[in-house]
Amino acid sequence: MDTKAMYKLSYGLFVCTAVQGAKKNGCIINTAIQVASEPNRISIAVNKANFTHDMIKETGKCNISVISIEAKFELFKHFGFQSGRDVDKFAPDALDALATALNGSSGSAIYENAENGIPYITAGTNAYFSLKVEQEVNLGSHTLFICEPTFMTVLSQAPSCTYEYYQSNIKPKPQAVGTTSKGETIWRCRICGYEYVGEELPDDFICPICKHGKVDFEKIVR
């Protein structure tokens, strides 16, 4: 099989946010679609390795902020390249740094709280949905949450950011590398650019940054 065929599928990109107790968190997902109109239902697939996944399972609620083409790479880096288990993505100093990167000044608005008490992202997004989980489907690496939208609104008229647009226009291009100075082989994640050093990449390897598996890594040669 040519696994690169997977890259021909069309995806959007979203910030999925949740709250559990005093903890706020969010992660990047690429699957949020309307699956029924009467009644209106939206499905989202969230990687089980994400802390946000566990929060949604516990609370049954989340928000989805639709990322637009006006988003900057720092938004993806902040919510997608680190785990809420290790850092507080909504800590004031972290948000100030993100605001400076996105808007040029600290203290500028990055998010607001929806009526369900969960943040939605206002920088680099064009809409948000508040969702209530009705069903869960175990998909192995991911859980599919079937949700009722309890609120939705448009934030901007900017076009939505597709996965292809992100890869071509937002994500920085990786620097060309080969083996290390010691002659070791490098495997690079096609999704986020993370590099694993080793002659062979384990079959069960999961990228520590974007949580993609071995199929999304390429062997780098000179």
N, C-alpha and C. Protein backbone atom coordinates (compact mmCIF):
# COMPACT_ATOMS: atom_id res chain seq x y z
N MET A 1 0.84 -1.20 0.00
CA MET A 1 0.00 0.00 0.00
C MET A 1 0.87 1.25 0.00
N ASP A 2 0.40 2.26 -0.68
CA ASP A 2 1.05 3.56 -0.65
C ASP A 2 0.37 4.39 0.42
N THR A 3 0.96 4.44 1.62
CA THR A 3 0.33 5.13 2.74
C THR A 3 0.25 6.63 2.54
N LYS A 4 1.00 7.16 1.56
CA LYS A 4 0.92 8.59 1.28
C LYS A 4 -0.45 8.99 0.73
N ALA A 5 -1.24 8.00 0.31
CA ALA A 5 -2.60 8.28 -0.13
C ALA A 5 -3.42 8.93 0.98
N MET A 6 -3.05 8.66 2.23
CA MET A 6 -3.77 9.26 3.36
C MET A 6 -3.68 10.78 3.33
N TYR A 7 -2.60 11.31 2.77
CA TYR A 7 -2.41 12.75 2.73
C TYR A 7 -3.30 13.42 1.70
N LYS A 8 -3.99 12.63 0.86
CA LYS A 8 -4.90 13.19 -0.13
C LYS A 8 -6.29 13.43 0.46
N LEU A 9 -6.54 12.88 1.66
CA LEU A 9 -7.80 13.15 2.33
C LEU A 9 -7.81 14.59 2.83
N SER A 10 -8.98 15.19 2.84
CA SER A 10 -9.10 16.59 3.23
C SER A 10 -9.47 16.71 4.71
N TYR A 11 -8.76 17.58 5.42
CA TYR A 11 -9.01 17.79 6.84
C TYR A 11 -9.07 19.29 7.14
N GLY A 12 -9.83 19.64 8.15
CA GLY A 12 -9.73 20.95 8.74
C GLY A 12 -8.81 20.87 9.94
N LEU A 13 -8.63 21.97 10.64
CA LEU A 13 -7.82 22.00 11.85
C LEU A 13 -8.55 22.80 12.92
N PHE A 14 -8.50 22.31 14.15
CA PHE A 14 -9.32 22.87 15.21
C PHE A 14 -8.56 22.85 16.53
N VAL A 15 -8.88 23.80 17.41
CA VAL A 15 -8.42 23.73 18.80
C VAL A 15 -9.57 23.17 19.62
N CYS A 16 -9.35 22.03 20.23
CA CYS A 16 -10.35 21.39 21.08
C CYS A 16 -10.02 21.71 22.53
N THR A 17 -10.92 22.38 23.23
CA THR A 17 -10.67 22.81 24.60
C THR A 17 -11.65 22.13 25.56
N ALA A 18 -11.17 21.95 26.79
CA ALA A 18 -11.98 21.32 27.83
C ALA A 18 -11.59 21.87 29.19
N VAL A 19 -12.48 21.70 30.15
CA VAL A 19 -12.23 22.11 31.53
C VAL A 19 -12.63 20.97 32.46
N GLN A 20 -11.75 20.66 33.41
CA GLN A 20 -12.05 19.68 34.45
C GLN A 20 -11.61 20.27 35.77
N GLY A 21 -12.57 20.58 36.63
CA GLY A 21 -12.24 21.27 37.87
C GLY A 21 -11.66 22.63 37.58
N ALA A 22 -10.48 22.92 38.13
CA ALA A 22 -9.83 24.21 37.88
C ALA A 22 -8.89 24.15 36.68
N LYS A 23 -8.76 23.00 36.06
CA LYS A 23 -7.81 22.81 34.97
C LYS A 23 -8.43 23.12 33.62
N LYS A 24 -7.81 24.02 32.85
CA LYS A 24 -8.19 24.30 31.48
C LYS A 24 -7.11 23.74 30.56
N ASN A 25 -7.54 23.21 29.44
CA ASN A 25 -6.56 22.64 28.51
C ASN A 25 -7.12 22.66 27.10
N GLY A 26 -6.24 22.45 26.13
CA GLY A 26 -6.65 22.39 24.74
C GLY A 26 -5.61 21.67 23.91
N CYS A 27 -6.05 21.10 22.80
CA CYS A 27 -5.15 20.41 21.88
C CYS A 27 -5.62 20.65 20.45
N ILE A 28 -4.76 20.34 19.49
CA ILE A 28 -5.11 20.46 18.08
C ILE A 28 -5.68 19.12 17.60
N ILE A 29 -6.81 19.18 16.89
CA ILE A 29 -7.36 17.98 16.25
C ILE A 29 -7.65 18.32 14.79
N ASN A 30 -7.77 17.28 13.97
CA ASN A 30 -8.03 17.53 12.55
C ASN A 30 -9.28 16.83 12.04
N THR A 31 -10.11 16.35 12.97
CA THR A 31 -11.36 15.72 12.55
C THR A 31 -12.52 16.25 13.39
N ALA A 32 -13.31 17.13 12.81
CA ALA A 32 -14.55 17.62 13.41
C ALA A 32 -15.51 17.86 12.26
N ILE A 33 -16.55 17.05 12.18
CA ILE A 33 -17.47 17.14 11.05
C ILE A 33 -18.91 17.00 11.51
N GLN A 34 -19.83 17.59 10.73
CA GLN A 34 -21.25 17.38 10.97
C GLN A 34 -21.61 16.02 10.39
N VAL A 35 -22.21 15.17 11.21
CA VAL A 35 -22.55 13.82 10.76
C VAL A 35 -24.06 13.60 10.64
N ALA A 36 -24.85 14.54 11.12
CA ALA A 36 -26.31 14.47 10.97
C ALA A 36 -26.89 15.87 11.11
N SER A 37 -28.03 16.09 10.46
CA SER A 37 -28.66 17.41 10.52
C SER A 37 -29.95 17.43 11.34
N GLU A 38 -30.65 16.31 11.42
CA GLU A 38 -31.88 16.22 12.19
C GLU A 38 -31.87 14.98 13.07
N PRO A 39 -31.45 15.09 14.32
CA PRO A 39 -30.95 16.31 14.99
C PRO A 39 -29.51 16.60 14.58
N ASN A 40 -29.11 17.84 14.76
CA ASN A 40 -27.75 18.26 14.40
C ASN A 40 -26.74 17.57 15.32
N ARG A 41 -25.78 16.88 14.70
CA ARG A 41 -24.76 16.19 15.47
C ARG A 41 -23.39 16.40 14.83
N ILE A 42 -22.38 16.58 15.67
CA ILE A 42 -21.00 16.77 15.23
C ILE A 42 -20.15 15.68 15.87
N SER A 43 -19.26 15.10 15.07
CA SER A 43 -18.34 14.10 15.61
C SER A 43 -16.93 14.68 15.64
N ILE A 44 -16.19 14.36 16.68
CA ILE A 44 -14.78 14.73 16.77
C ILE A 44 -13.99 13.49 17.18
N ALA A 45 -12.80 13.35 16.62
CA ALA A 45 -11.92 12.24 16.99
C ALA A 45 -10.72 12.83 17.72
N VAL A 46 -10.45 12.33 18.93
CA VAL A 46 -9.38 12.87 19.76
C VAL A 46 -8.44 11.74 20.15
N ASN A 47 -7.16 11.98 19.94
CA ASN A 47 -6.14 10.99 20.28
C ASN A 47 -6.14 10.72 21.78
N LYS A 48 -6.10 9.44 22.15
CA LYS A 48 -6.12 9.08 23.56
C LYS A 48 -4.86 9.53 24.30
N ALA A 49 -3.79 9.84 23.56
CA ALA A 49 -2.57 10.30 24.20
C ALA A 49 -2.68 11.74 24.67
N ASN A 50 -3.70 12.46 24.21
CA ASN A 50 -3.89 13.86 24.60
C ASN A 50 -4.61 13.95 25.95
N PHE A 51 -4.12 14.85 26.80
CA PHE A 51 -4.75 15.08 28.09
C PHE A 51 -6.18 15.58 27.92
N THR A 52 -6.43 16.36 26.87
CA THR A 52 -7.77 16.88 26.60
C THR A 52 -8.75 15.73 26.41
N HIS A 53 -8.31 14.64 25.81
CA HIS A 53 -9.15 13.46 25.61
C HIS A 53 -9.73 12.98 26.94
N ASP A 54 -8.86 12.85 27.94
CA ASP A 54 -9.30 12.35 29.25
C ASP A 54 -10.27 13.32 29.90
N MET A 55 -10.05 14.61 29.71
CA MET A 55 -10.93 15.61 30.31
C MET A 55 -12.33 15.55 29.68
N ILE A 56 -12.38 15.33 28.36
CA ILE A 56 -13.68 15.22 27.69
C ILE A 56 -14.43 13.98 28.17
N LYS A 57 -13.72 12.87 28.33
CA LYS A 57 -14.36 11.64 28.80
C LYS A 57 -14.93 11.83 30.20
N GLU A 58 -14.23 12.59 31.03
CA GLU A 58 -14.69 12.79 32.41
C GLU A 58 -15.86 13.76 32.50
N THR A 59 -15.84 14.81 31.68
CA THR A 59 -16.84 15.88 31.81
C THR A 59 -17.96 15.80 30.79
N GLY A 60 -17.70 15.16 29.63
CA GLY A 60 -18.71 15.08 28.59
C GLY A 60 -18.95 16.38 27.85
N LYS A 61 -18.01 17.32 27.96
CA LYS A 61 -18.18 18.62 27.30
C LYS A 61 -16.86 19.09 26.70
N CYS A 62 -16.95 19.89 25.65
CA CYS A 62 -15.77 20.54 25.09
C CYS A 62 -16.21 21.63 24.14
N ASN A 63 -15.26 22.43 23.72
CA ASN A 63 -15.48 23.43 22.67
C ASN A 63 -14.53 23.16 21.52
N ILE A 64 -14.97 23.48 20.32
CA ILE A 64 -14.16 23.35 19.12
C ILE A 64 -14.03 24.72 18.47
N SER A 65 -12.81 25.23 18.38
CA SER A 65 -12.55 26.49 17.70
C SER A 65 -11.97 26.18 16.33
N VAL A 66 -12.61 26.69 15.29
CA VAL A 66 -12.20 26.41 13.91
C VAL A 66 -11.05 27.34 13.53
N ILE A 67 -9.90 26.77 13.21
CA ILE A 67 -8.72 27.56 12.87
C ILE A 67 -8.84 28.11 11.45
N SER A 68 -8.49 29.37 11.27
CA SER A 68 -8.57 30.02 9.96
C SER A 68 -7.18 30.15 9.35
N ILE A 69 -7.14 30.60 8.10
CA ILE A 69 -5.86 30.77 7.41
C ILE A 69 -5.06 31.94 7.98
N GLU A 70 -5.67 32.73 8.85
CA GLU A 70 -4.96 33.84 9.49
C GLU A 70 -4.16 33.39 10.71
N ALA A 71 -4.29 32.12 11.10
CA ALA A 71 -3.57 31.60 12.26
C ALA A 71 -2.07 31.56 11.98
N LYS A 72 -1.30 31.76 13.02
CA LYS A 72 0.15 31.67 12.93
C LYS A 72 0.63 30.34 13.52
N PHE A 73 1.83 29.96 13.14
CA PHE A 73 2.38 28.68 13.58
C PHE A 73 2.43 28.56 15.10
N GLU A 74 2.62 29.69 15.78
CA GLU A 74 2.72 29.66 17.25
C GLU A 74 1.44 29.11 17.89
N LEU A 75 0.29 29.31 17.25
CA LEU A 75 -0.95 28.77 17.79
C LEU A 75 -0.92 27.24 17.78
N PHE A 76 -0.45 26.67 16.67
CA PHE A 76 -0.33 25.22 16.56
C PHE A 76 0.73 24.69 17.52
N LYS A 77 1.82 25.42 17.63
CA LYS A 77 2.91 24.99 18.52
C LYS A 77 2.45 24.98 19.97
N HIS A 78 1.71 26.02 20.37
CA HIS A 78 1.28 26.14 21.77
C HIS A 78 0.30 25.03 22.15
N PHE A 79 -0.69 24.78 21.30
CA PHE A 79 -1.72 23.82 21.66
C PHE A 79 -1.45 22.40 21.14
N GLY A 80 -0.52 22.26 20.18
CA GLY A 80 -0.30 20.96 19.60
C GLY A 80 1.02 20.30 19.88
N PHE A 81 2.03 21.09 20.26
CA PHE A 81 3.37 20.52 20.38
C PHE A 81 3.82 20.35 21.82
N GLN A 82 2.88 20.40 22.76
CA GLN A 82 3.19 20.15 24.16
C GLN A 82 1.95 19.57 24.82
N SER A 83 2.16 18.84 25.88
CA SER A 83 1.06 18.16 26.55
C SER A 83 0.59 18.92 27.78
N GLY A 84 -0.72 18.96 27.96
CA GLY A 84 -1.30 19.57 29.15
C GLY A 84 -0.97 18.82 30.41
N ARG A 85 -0.45 17.60 30.27
CA ARG A 85 0.00 16.86 31.46
C ARG A 85 1.29 17.45 32.00
N ASP A 86 2.04 18.12 31.14
CA ASP A 86 3.36 18.64 31.53
C ASP A 86 3.37 20.15 31.75
N VAL A 87 2.50 20.88 31.06
CA VAL A 87 2.48 22.34 31.16
C VAL A 87 1.04 22.83 31.31
N ASP A 88 0.91 24.03 31.83
CA ASP A 88 -0.40 24.69 31.92
C ASP A 88 -0.52 25.64 30.72
N LYS A 89 -1.24 25.22 29.71
CA LYS A 89 -1.35 26.01 28.50
C LYS A 89 -2.12 27.31 28.69
N PHE A 90 -2.88 27.40 29.78
CA PHE A 90 -3.65 28.61 30.06
C PHE A 90 -3.06 29.42 31.22
N ALA A 91 -1.83 29.13 31.59
CA ALA A 91 -1.15 29.93 32.61
C ALA A 91 -0.96 31.35 32.07
N PRO A 92 -1.12 32.38 32.91
CA PRO A 92 -1.01 33.77 32.43
C PRO A 92 0.27 34.08 31.68
N ASP A 93 1.41 33.58 32.18
CA ASP A 93 2.67 33.88 31.49
C ASP A 93 2.74 33.19 30.14
N ALA A 94 2.20 31.99 30.06
CA ALA A 94 2.18 31.26 28.78
C ALA A 94 1.29 31.96 27.78
N LEU A 95 0.15 32.46 28.25
CA LEU A 95 -0.76 33.17 27.35
C LEU A 95 -0.19 34.51 26.91
N ASP A 96 0.53 35.18 27.81
CA ASP A 96 1.18 36.44 27.43
C ASP A 96 2.21 36.22 26.33
N ALA A 97 2.98 35.15 26.47
CA ALA A 97 3.97 34.83 25.45
C ALA A 97 3.29 34.50 24.13
N LEU A 98 2.18 33.77 24.19
CA LEU A 98 1.45 33.43 22.97
C LEU A 98 0.83 34.67 22.34
N ALA A 99 0.29 35.56 23.18
CA ALA A 99 -0.30 36.80 22.67
C ALA A 99 0.73 37.66 21.96
N THR A 100 1.92 37.72 22.52
CA THR A 100 3.00 38.49 21.89
C THR A 100 3.36 37.89 20.54
N ALA A 101 3.41 36.55 20.47
CA ALA A 101 3.76 35.89 19.22
C ALA A 101 2.67 36.06 18.16
N LEU A 102 1.41 36.06 18.60
CA LEU A 102 0.31 36.13 17.66
C LEU A 102 -0.08 37.56 17.29
N ASN A 103 -0.09 38.44 18.28
CA ASN A 103 -0.62 39.79 18.08
C ASN A 103 0.40 40.90 18.26
N GLY A 104 1.61 40.55 18.68
CA GLY A 104 2.64 41.57 18.84
C GLY A 104 2.62 42.27 20.17
N SER A 105 1.71 41.92 21.06
CA SER A 105 1.67 42.57 22.38
C SER A 105 1.14 41.59 23.41
N SER A 106 1.75 41.58 24.60
CA SER A 106 1.27 40.72 25.68
C SER A 106 -0.02 41.29 26.24
N GLY A 107 -0.84 40.42 26.80
CA GLY A 107 -2.08 40.86 27.40
C GLY A 107 -3.24 40.96 26.44
N SER A 108 -2.99 40.81 25.15
CA SER A 108 -4.09 40.86 24.19
C SER A 108 -4.90 39.57 24.28
N ALA A 109 -6.15 39.64 23.86
CA ALA A 109 -7.08 38.51 24.03
C ALA A 109 -6.71 37.33 23.14
N ILE A 110 -6.59 36.18 23.72
CA ILE A 110 -6.35 34.94 23.00
C ILE A 110 -7.60 34.05 23.05
N TYR A 111 -8.33 34.16 24.16
CA TYR A 111 -9.53 33.33 24.30
C TYR A 111 -10.57 34.05 25.13
N GLU A 112 -11.79 33.54 25.07
CA GLU A 112 -12.87 33.95 25.95
C GLU A 112 -13.55 32.70 26.48
N ASN A 113 -14.31 32.84 27.54
CA ASN A 113 -15.02 31.70 28.09
C ASN A 113 -16.45 31.67 27.55
N ALA A 114 -16.85 30.50 27.08
CA ALA A 114 -18.21 30.31 26.58
C ALA A 114 -19.17 30.12 27.75
N GLU A 115 -20.46 30.05 27.44
CA GLU A 115 -21.46 29.89 28.48
C GLU A 115 -21.33 28.57 29.21
N ASN A 116 -20.72 27.57 28.55
CA ASN A 116 -20.52 26.28 29.23
C ASN A 116 -19.30 26.27 30.13
N GLY A 117 -18.63 27.43 30.27
CA GLY A 117 -17.49 27.55 31.16
C GLY A 117 -16.17 27.10 30.57
N ILE A 118 -16.18 26.77 29.29
CA ILE A 118 -14.97 26.28 28.62
C ILE A 118 -14.44 27.37 27.69
N PRO A 119 -13.12 27.56 27.65
CA PRO A 119 -12.56 28.58 26.76
C PRO A 119 -12.77 28.23 25.29
N TYR A 120 -12.90 29.28 24.47
CA TYR A 120 -12.79 29.12 23.03
C TYR A 120 -11.75 30.12 22.54
N ILE A 121 -11.04 29.77 21.50
CA ILE A 121 -9.91 30.56 21.02
C ILE A 121 -10.39 31.64 20.07
N THR A 122 -9.95 32.87 20.29
CA THR A 122 -10.39 34.00 19.46
C THR A 122 -9.33 34.46 18.48
N ALA A 123 -8.08 34.05 18.66
CA ALA A 123 -6.99 34.47 17.77
C ALA A 123 -6.77 33.42 16.70
N GLY A 124 -6.90 33.83 15.43
CA GLY A 124 -6.65 32.90 14.33
C GLY A 124 -7.75 31.87 14.13
N THR A 125 -8.98 32.20 14.54
CA THR A 125 -10.11 31.28 14.36
C THR A 125 -11.26 32.02 13.70
N ASN A 126 -12.22 31.28 13.16
CA ASN A 126 -13.35 31.93 12.49
C ASN A 126 -14.72 31.48 13.01
N ALA A 127 -14.76 30.52 13.93
CA ALA A 127 -16.02 30.07 14.53
C ALA A 127 -15.71 29.18 15.72
N TYR A 128 -16.71 28.99 16.57
CA TYR A 128 -16.54 28.00 17.62
C TYR A 128 -17.88 27.32 17.92
N PHE A 129 -17.78 26.10 18.44
CA PHE A 129 -18.92 25.27 18.78
C PHE A 129 -18.77 24.79 20.21
N SER A 130 -19.83 24.87 20.98
CA SER A 130 -19.87 24.22 22.29
C SER A 130 -20.57 22.88 22.11
N LEU A 131 -19.93 21.82 22.60
CA LEU A 131 -20.42 20.47 22.34
C LEU A 131 -20.70 19.69 23.62
N LYS A 132 -21.75 18.90 23.58
CA LYS A 132 -22.11 17.99 24.67
C LYS A 132 -22.05 16.57 24.13
N VAL A 133 -21.24 15.73 24.76
CA VAL A 133 -21.02 14.37 24.27
C VAL A 133 -22.27 13.52 24.52
N GLU A 134 -22.70 12.81 23.46
CA GLU A 134 -23.84 11.89 23.58
C GLU A 134 -23.42 10.43 23.47
N GLN A 135 -22.40 10.16 22.62
CA GLN A 135 -21.93 8.80 22.44
C GLN A 135 -20.42 8.79 22.29
N GLU A 136 -19.81 7.65 22.60
CA GLU A 136 -18.39 7.46 22.41
C GLU A 136 -18.16 6.16 21.64
N VAL A 137 -17.19 6.20 20.72
CA VAL A 137 -16.80 5.00 19.97
C VAL A 137 -15.30 4.83 20.11
N ASN A 138 -14.90 3.66 20.60
CA ASN A 138 -13.48 3.36 20.77
C ASN A 138 -12.88 2.99 19.41
N LEU A 139 -11.91 3.80 18.94
CA LEU A 139 -11.29 3.56 17.65
C LEU A 139 -9.83 3.15 17.78
N GLY A 140 -9.44 2.64 18.92
CA GLY A 140 -8.05 2.23 19.12
C GLY A 140 -7.23 3.41 19.61
N SER A 141 -6.49 4.05 18.70
CA SER A 141 -5.65 5.18 19.10
C SER A 141 -6.47 6.41 19.46
N HIS A 142 -7.71 6.50 18.95
CA HIS A 142 -8.57 7.66 19.16
C HIS A 142 -9.92 7.24 19.74
N THR A 143 -10.60 8.20 20.32
CA THR A 143 -12.01 8.04 20.67
C THR A 143 -12.82 8.97 19.79
N LEU A 144 -13.90 8.43 19.20
CA LEU A 144 -14.82 9.26 18.42
C LEU A 144 -15.95 9.69 19.35
N PHE A 145 -16.06 11.00 19.54
CA PHE A 145 -17.13 11.55 20.36
C PHE A 145 -18.24 12.08 19.44
N ILE A 146 -19.45 11.56 19.60
CA ILE A 146 -20.61 12.07 18.88
C ILE A 146 -21.28 13.09 19.79
N CYS A 147 -21.41 14.32 19.30
CA CYS A 147 -21.79 15.43 20.18
C CYS A 147 -23.00 16.21 19.67
N GLU A 148 -23.74 16.74 20.63
CA GLU A 148 -24.80 17.71 20.34
C GLU A 148 -24.22 19.11 20.48
N PRO A 149 -24.32 19.95 19.43
CA PRO A 149 -23.87 21.33 19.58
C PRO A 149 -24.90 22.13 20.39
N THR A 150 -24.45 22.69 21.50
CA THR A 150 -25.35 23.47 22.35
C THR A 150 -25.25 24.97 22.06
N PHE A 151 -24.19 25.37 21.35
CA PHE A 151 -24.04 26.76 20.92
C PHE A 151 -23.02 26.80 19.80
N MET A 152 -23.19 27.76 18.89
CA MET A 152 -22.21 27.96 17.82
C MET A 152 -22.33 29.39 17.31
N THR A 153 -21.20 29.94 16.87
CA THR A 153 -21.24 31.29 16.31
C THR A 153 -20.03 31.51 15.42
N VAL A 154 -20.18 32.47 14.50
CA VAL A 154 -19.09 32.86 13.59
C VAL A 154 -18.28 33.97 14.25
N LEU A 155 -16.95 33.85 14.19
CA LEU A 155 -16.06 34.84 14.78
C LEU A 155 -15.37 35.70 13.73
N SER A 156 -15.22 35.16 12.52
CA SER A 156 -14.48 35.86 11.47
C SER A 156 -14.92 35.32 10.11
N GLN A 157 -14.75 36.13 9.07
CA GLN A 157 -15.07 35.69 7.72
C GLN A 157 -13.86 35.09 7.01
N ALA A 158 -12.72 34.99 7.70
CA ALA A 158 -11.53 34.40 7.09
C ALA A 158 -11.78 32.93 6.77
N PRO A 159 -11.30 32.42 5.63
CA PRO A 159 -11.50 31.02 5.28
C PRO A 159 -10.88 30.08 6.31
N SER A 160 -11.47 28.91 6.43
CA SER A 160 -10.95 27.91 7.35
C SER A 160 -9.62 27.36 6.84
N CYS A 161 -8.77 26.99 7.78
CA CYS A 161 -7.46 26.44 7.45
C CYS A 161 -7.57 24.93 7.26
N THR A 162 -7.22 24.47 6.08
CA THR A 162 -7.18 23.03 5.84
C THR A 162 -5.81 22.49 6.25
N TYR A 163 -5.75 21.18 6.38
CA TYR A 163 -4.48 20.55 6.72
C TYR A 163 -3.45 20.81 5.63
N GLU A 164 -3.88 20.77 4.38
CA GLU A 164 -2.96 21.03 3.27
C GLU A 164 -2.43 22.46 3.32
N TYR A 165 -3.32 23.42 3.65
CA TYR A 165 -2.88 24.81 3.73
C TYR A 165 -1.86 24.98 4.85
N TYR A 166 -2.12 24.32 5.98
CA TYR A 166 -1.17 24.39 7.09
C TYR A 166 0.20 23.86 6.68
N GLN A 167 0.21 22.72 6.00
CA GLN A 167 1.48 22.12 5.60
C GLN A 167 2.22 23.00 4.60
N SER A 168 1.49 23.65 3.69
CA SER A 168 2.11 24.41 2.61
C SER A 168 2.44 25.85 2.98
N ASN A 169 1.65 26.45 3.88
CA ASN A 169 1.76 27.90 4.08
C ASN A 169 2.04 28.35 5.51
N ILE A 170 1.82 27.49 6.49
CA ILE A 170 1.98 27.91 7.89
C ILE A 170 3.14 27.21 8.56
N LYS A 171 3.22 25.89 8.43
CA LYS A 171 4.27 25.14 9.12
C LYS A 171 5.63 25.48 8.52
N PRO A 172 6.60 25.85 9.35
CA PRO A 172 7.95 26.13 8.83
C PRO A 172 8.53 24.92 8.12
N LYS A 173 9.27 25.19 7.06
CA LYS A 173 9.90 24.10 6.33
C LYS A 173 11.11 23.60 7.12
N PRO A 174 11.24 22.28 7.30
CA PRO A 174 12.37 21.74 8.06
C PRO A 174 13.68 21.96 7.34
N GLN A 175 14.74 22.10 8.11
CA GLN A 175 16.07 22.23 7.53
C GLN A 175 16.53 20.87 7.01
N ALA A 176 17.24 20.89 5.92
CA ALA A 176 17.73 19.64 5.34
C ALA A 176 18.81 19.05 6.24
N VAL A 177 18.62 17.81 6.62
CA VAL A 177 19.60 17.12 7.46
C VAL A 177 19.77 15.71 6.92
N GLY A 178 20.83 15.05 7.32
CA GLY A 178 21.04 13.66 6.96
C GLY A 178 21.30 12.88 8.22
N THR A 179 22.42 12.23 8.28
CA THR A 179 22.78 11.55 9.51
C THR A 179 23.44 12.55 10.45
N THR A 180 23.54 12.20 11.70
CA THR A 180 24.19 13.07 12.67
C THR A 180 25.70 13.02 12.45
N SER A 181 26.40 13.82 13.24
CA SER A 181 27.86 13.86 13.14
C SER A 181 28.48 12.50 13.47
N LYS A 182 27.73 11.66 14.18
CA LYS A 182 28.21 10.33 14.52
C LYS A 182 27.80 9.29 13.48
N GLY A 183 27.15 9.76 12.42
CA GLY A 183 26.74 8.84 11.38
C GLY A 183 25.45 8.10 11.67
N GLU A 184 24.66 8.54 12.65
CA GLU A 184 23.41 7.89 13.00
C GLU A 184 22.30 8.31 12.05
N THR A 185 21.34 7.42 11.85
CA THR A 185 20.21 7.70 10.96
C THR A 185 19.17 8.56 11.67
N ILE A 186 18.53 9.45 10.90
CA ILE A 186 17.48 10.31 11.44
C ILE A 186 16.16 9.98 10.77
N TRP A 187 15.10 9.86 11.57
CA TRP A 187 13.74 9.69 11.08
C TRP A 187 12.96 10.95 11.44
N ARG A 188 12.34 11.59 10.46
CA ARG A 188 11.63 12.85 10.71
C ARG A 188 10.13 12.66 10.54
N CYS A 189 9.38 13.20 11.51
CA CYS A 189 7.92 13.19 11.44
C CYS A 189 7.46 14.16 10.35
N ARG A 190 6.66 13.65 9.41
CA ARG A 190 6.15 14.50 8.33
C ARG A 190 5.13 15.51 8.84
N ILE A 191 4.57 15.26 10.01
CA ILE A 191 3.52 16.12 10.52
C ILE A 191 4.09 17.35 11.22
N CYS A 192 5.00 17.14 12.16
CA CYS A 192 5.48 18.26 12.98
C CYS A 192 6.97 18.53 12.86
N GLY A 193 7.72 17.61 12.23
CA GLY A 193 9.16 17.83 12.07
C GLY A 193 10.02 17.23 13.16
N TYR A 194 9.42 16.58 14.16
CA TYR A 194 10.21 15.95 15.22
C TYR A 194 11.16 14.92 14.61
N GLU A 195 12.38 14.83 15.15
CA GLU A 195 13.38 13.93 14.61
C GLU A 195 13.79 12.88 15.64
N TYR A 196 13.76 11.62 15.20
CA TYR A 196 14.17 10.49 16.02
C TYR A 196 15.50 9.97 15.47
N VAL A 197 16.46 9.78 16.35
CA VAL A 197 17.77 9.30 15.94
C VAL A 197 17.88 7.81 16.24
N GLY A 198 18.17 7.03 15.21
CA GLY A 198 18.31 5.59 15.38
C GLY A 198 18.23 4.90 14.04
N GLU A 199 18.91 3.79 13.91
CA GLU A 199 18.94 3.09 12.63
C GLU A 199 17.56 2.61 12.22
N GLU A 200 16.78 2.12 13.20
CA GLU A 200 15.42 1.66 12.93
C GLU A 200 14.44 2.36 13.85
N LEU A 201 13.27 2.70 13.32
CA LEU A 201 12.22 3.31 14.12
C LEU A 201 11.29 2.19 14.61
N PRO A 202 11.09 2.07 15.92
CA PRO A 202 10.22 1.00 16.44
C PRO A 202 8.82 1.05 15.84
N ASP A 203 8.23 -0.12 15.60
CA ASP A 203 6.90 -0.17 14.99
C ASP A 203 5.85 0.52 15.82
N ASP A 204 6.02 0.53 17.13
CA ASP A 204 5.01 1.13 18.01
C ASP A 204 5.38 2.56 18.43
N PHE A 205 6.34 3.16 17.72
CA PHE A 205 6.78 4.50 18.12
C PHE A 205 5.67 5.52 17.87
N ILE A 206 5.45 6.39 18.84
CA ILE A 206 4.49 7.48 18.74
C ILE A 206 5.24 8.80 18.91
N CYS A 207 5.02 9.73 17.97
CA CYS A 207 5.70 11.02 18.06
C CYS A 207 5.33 11.71 19.37
N PRO A 208 6.31 12.12 20.17
CA PRO A 208 6.01 12.76 21.46
C PRO A 208 5.39 14.14 21.31
N ILE A 209 5.46 14.72 20.12
CA ILE A 209 4.92 16.06 19.92
C ILE A 209 3.50 16.02 19.36
N CYS A 210 3.32 15.38 18.19
CA CYS A 210 2.02 15.42 17.53
C CYS A 210 1.24 14.12 17.67
N LYS A 211 1.84 13.10 18.28
CA LYS A 211 1.18 11.83 18.60
C LYS A 211 0.88 10.98 17.37
N HIS A 212 1.56 11.20 16.24
CA HIS A 212 1.39 10.35 15.07
C HIS A 212 2.36 9.17 15.16
N GLY A 213 2.02 8.10 14.44
CA GLY A 213 2.81 6.88 14.52
C GLY A 213 3.87 6.75 13.45
N LYS A 214 4.46 5.56 13.37
CA LYS A 214 5.59 5.30 12.50
C LYS A 214 5.28 5.59 11.04
N VAL A 215 4.04 5.37 10.62
CA VAL A 215 3.68 5.56 9.22
C VAL A 215 3.90 6.99 8.75
N ASP A 216 3.93 7.94 9.69
CA ASP A 216 4.10 9.35 9.33
C ASP A 216 5.54 9.83 9.48
N PHE A 217 6.48 8.91 9.62
CA PHE A 217 7.90 9.26 9.68
C PHE A 217 8.60 8.88 8.38
N GLU A 218 9.57 9.69 7.98
CA GLU A 218 10.37 9.38 6.80
C GLU A 218 11.84 9.32 7.18
N LYS A 219 12.56 8.42 6.52
CA LYS A 219 13.98 8.27 6.75
C LYS A 219 14.73 9.34 5.96
N ILE A 220 15.58 10.09 6.66
CA ILE A 220 16.30 11.19 6.03
C ILE A 220 17.69 10.71 5.62
N VAL A 221 17.99 10.92 4.35
CA VAL A 221 19.32 10.55 3.84
C VAL A 221 19.93 11.77 3.17
N ARG A 222 21.23 11.77 3.07
CA ARG A 222 21.92 12.89 2.44
C ARG A 222 21.67 12.90 0.93
